Protein backbone atom coordinates (compact mmCIF):
# COMPACT_ATOMS: atom_id res chain seq x y z
CA MET A 1 -6.37 -12.53 16.33
CA SER A 2 -9.70 -13.06 14.20
CA THR A 3 -10.31 -11.60 11.27
CA ARG A 4 -12.89 -8.58 11.88
CA VAL A 5 -15.77 -8.39 9.58
CA LEU A 6 -18.04 -5.95 8.05
CA VAL A 7 -21.24 -6.47 5.67
CA VAL A 8 -22.74 -3.52 4.21
CA VAL A 9 -26.19 -4.26 3.21
CA PRO A 10 -28.42 -2.38 0.74
CA CYS A 11 -31.23 -0.78 1.92
CA GLY A 12 -34.44 -1.05 -0.53
CA LYS A 13 -37.75 0.52 -1.61
CA GLY A 14 -39.74 -1.61 0.05
CA LYS A 15 -40.81 -0.15 3.42
CA ILE A 16 -42.28 -1.12 6.92
CA TRP A 17 -44.82 1.80 6.14
CA ASP A 18 -45.67 0.72 2.71
CA LYS A 19 -47.88 -2.37 4.17
CA PHE A 20 -48.28 -0.86 8.15
CA PRO A 21 -48.92 3.46 6.63
CA LYS A 22 -49.60 4.22 10.58
CA ILE A 23 -46.43 2.79 11.92
CA LYS A 24 -44.28 4.90 13.48
CA ALA A 25 -39.89 5.23 13.64
CA THR A 26 -39.02 2.19 13.83
CA ARG A 27 -35.37 0.48 13.79
CA ALA A 28 -33.16 0.54 10.18
CA GLU A 29 -33.21 -3.46 9.89
CA GLU A 30 -36.99 -3.20 10.13
CA ALA A 31 -37.58 -0.79 8.19
CA TYR A 32 -37.17 -2.08 5.46
CA VAL A 33 -39.11 -5.48 3.92
CA GLY A 34 -38.53 -6.00 0.74
CA ALA A 35 -37.21 -10.00 -0.48
CA PRO A 36 -33.27 -8.76 -1.44
CA PHE A 37 -32.69 -6.82 2.02
CA LYS A 38 -34.32 -9.82 4.03
CA VAL A 39 -31.74 -11.95 2.40
CA ASN A 40 -28.57 -9.54 2.85
CA LYS A 41 -29.42 -9.19 6.47
CA ALA A 42 -29.49 -12.96 6.91
CA PHE A 43 -26.13 -13.20 5.11
CA ALA A 44 -24.78 -10.40 7.28
CA LYS A 45 -26.17 -11.32 10.75
CA LYS A 46 -24.50 -14.85 9.88
CA PHE A 47 -21.01 -14.39 8.67
CA ALA A 48 -20.24 -10.38 9.78
CA ASP A 49 -18.95 -9.00 13.23
CA GLU A 50 -21.21 -5.70 12.69
CA TRP A 51 -23.15 -4.71 9.61
CA VAL A 52 -24.11 -1.81 8.62
CA ILE A 53 -27.60 -0.61 6.13
CA LEU A 54 -26.83 1.94 3.23
CA SER A 55 -29.21 4.51 2.78
CA ALA A 56 -29.44 6.68 0.42
CA LYS A 57 -30.83 9.17 2.59
CA TYR A 58 -28.30 8.54 5.49
CA GLY A 59 -25.91 6.72 4.79
CA PHE A 60 -24.36 4.15 6.47
CA VAL A 61 -26.44 3.44 9.50
CA GLU A 62 -26.22 0.55 12.32
CA PRO A 63 -29.31 -1.75 12.29
CA THR A 64 -30.58 0.07 15.46
CA PHE A 65 -30.46 3.12 13.92
CA ILE A 66 -33.93 4.99 13.88
CA ILE A 67 -35.87 6.57 11.35
CA PRO A 68 -38.72 8.23 11.57
CA GLU A 69 -40.15 8.51 8.74
CA ASN A 70 -41.08 6.52 5.21
CA TYR A 71 -39.07 8.41 2.92
CA ASP A 72 -38.11 7.76 -0.97
CA VAL A 73 -34.70 8.94 -1.94
CA SER A 74 -32.66 7.20 -4.81
CA PHE A 75 -28.81 7.67 -5.84
CA ASN A 76 -29.74 7.08 -9.39
CA HIS A 77 -32.32 10.21 -8.87
CA PRO A 78 -30.36 13.02 -7.78
CA GLU A 79 -33.50 15.15 -7.86
CA THR A 80 -34.08 13.29 -4.39
CA ASN A 81 -31.21 14.66 -2.43
CA PRO A 82 -29.36 11.45 -1.79
CA ILE A 83 -26.44 11.71 0.57
CA ASN A 84 -23.32 12.99 -1.23
CA LEU A 85 -19.97 10.96 -1.79
CA GLY A 86 -18.26 13.71 0.49
CA GLY A 87 -21.55 12.39 3.48
CA LEU A 88 -20.00 8.87 2.87
CA LYS A 89 -16.80 9.67 3.65
CA SER A 90 -17.24 11.15 6.55
CA GLN A 91 -19.14 8.61 7.89
CA VAL A 92 -16.61 5.87 7.41
CA LYS A 93 -14.38 7.96 9.38
CA GLU A 94 -17.00 8.88 11.85
CA LYS A 95 -18.12 5.61 12.69
CA ASP A 96 -14.77 3.56 12.65
CA LEU A 97 -16.05 1.42 9.28
CA GLU A 98 -12.54 1.33 8.34
CA ASN A 99 -10.71 -0.72 10.97
CA PHE A 100 -12.48 -3.57 9.70
CA ASP A 101 -10.12 -6.48 8.12
CA VAL A 102 -12.61 -7.07 5.10
CA VAL A 103 -15.82 -5.39 4.12
CA ILE A 104 -18.31 -7.13 2.15
CA VAL A 105 -20.44 -5.05 0.38
CA LEU A 106 -23.62 -6.83 -0.85
CA GLY A 107 -26.15 -5.21 -3.69
CA GLY A 108 -26.06 -4.81 -7.54
CA GLY A 109 -24.04 -2.44 -9.73
CA GLU A 110 -25.79 1.16 -8.42
CA ILE A 111 -24.07 -0.04 -4.89
CA ILE A 112 -20.61 -0.82 -6.25
CA THR A 113 -20.09 2.16 -8.48
CA THR A 114 -21.41 4.73 -5.07
CA LEU A 115 -18.95 2.55 -3.28
CA SER A 116 -16.11 1.68 -5.27
CA PRO A 117 -12.45 2.15 -3.93
CA ARG A 118 -12.15 4.97 -6.73
CA THR A 119 -14.68 7.00 -5.48
CA MET A 120 -14.61 6.25 -1.78
CA MET A 121 -10.48 7.25 -2.63
CA ALA A 122 -9.59 4.00 -0.02
CA PRO A 123 -8.33 1.38 -2.04
CA SER A 124 -8.26 -1.01 0.83
CA PHE A 125 -11.43 -0.28 2.81
CA PHE A 126 -13.99 -1.87 0.27
CA THR A 127 -13.71 -5.78 -0.44
CA PHE A 128 -15.95 -6.53 -4.31
CA SER A 129 -15.41 -10.31 -4.78
CA ALA A 130 -17.67 -11.48 -8.13
CA SER A 131 -17.57 -14.68 -5.41
CA VAL A 132 -18.77 -12.64 -2.11
CA VAL A 133 -21.04 -9.77 -3.45
CA SER A 134 -24.31 -10.82 -3.93
CA SER A 135 -26.20 -9.28 -6.82
CA VAL A 136 -29.94 -9.52 -6.24
CA SER A 137 -30.49 -8.29 -9.65
CA SER A 138 -28.83 -6.74 -12.56
CA SER A 139 -31.99 -4.88 -12.95
CA THR A 140 -32.12 -3.48 -9.04
CA LYS A 141 -32.55 0.03 -8.65
CA LEU A 142 -31.04 0.72 -5.13
CA ARG A 143 -34.30 3.42 -4.38
CA CYS A 144 -34.79 3.58 -0.82
């Protein structure tokens, strides 16, 4: 039996609507257009059996999830009403994200803080490894 790998890709502030404001609803994998997202998406497509995007507004979403319109929500700014920890935990169960042998979380410190094993209460669920987790920049803000 082979090892099943899930990769969690952080969304990004840059969205397709910034370049093309008249575009309507679009798939999550096409909605985020920043360079960090593109690099992380390429990694996920190459190495993961499945991958999800972590959106501050919608939580864990599949690449085909339809985002209806532009938004600006951040885990770093509670006043923007990001999805809460309880919502993320529920999604892990609802979407069967706990049924992977390895979960690689890409992104900077904000993501690791948000999804730390201590806060998710599932120590074996997320794997954080300096050799695997890609941090685009220490100044990257998780605003999406």
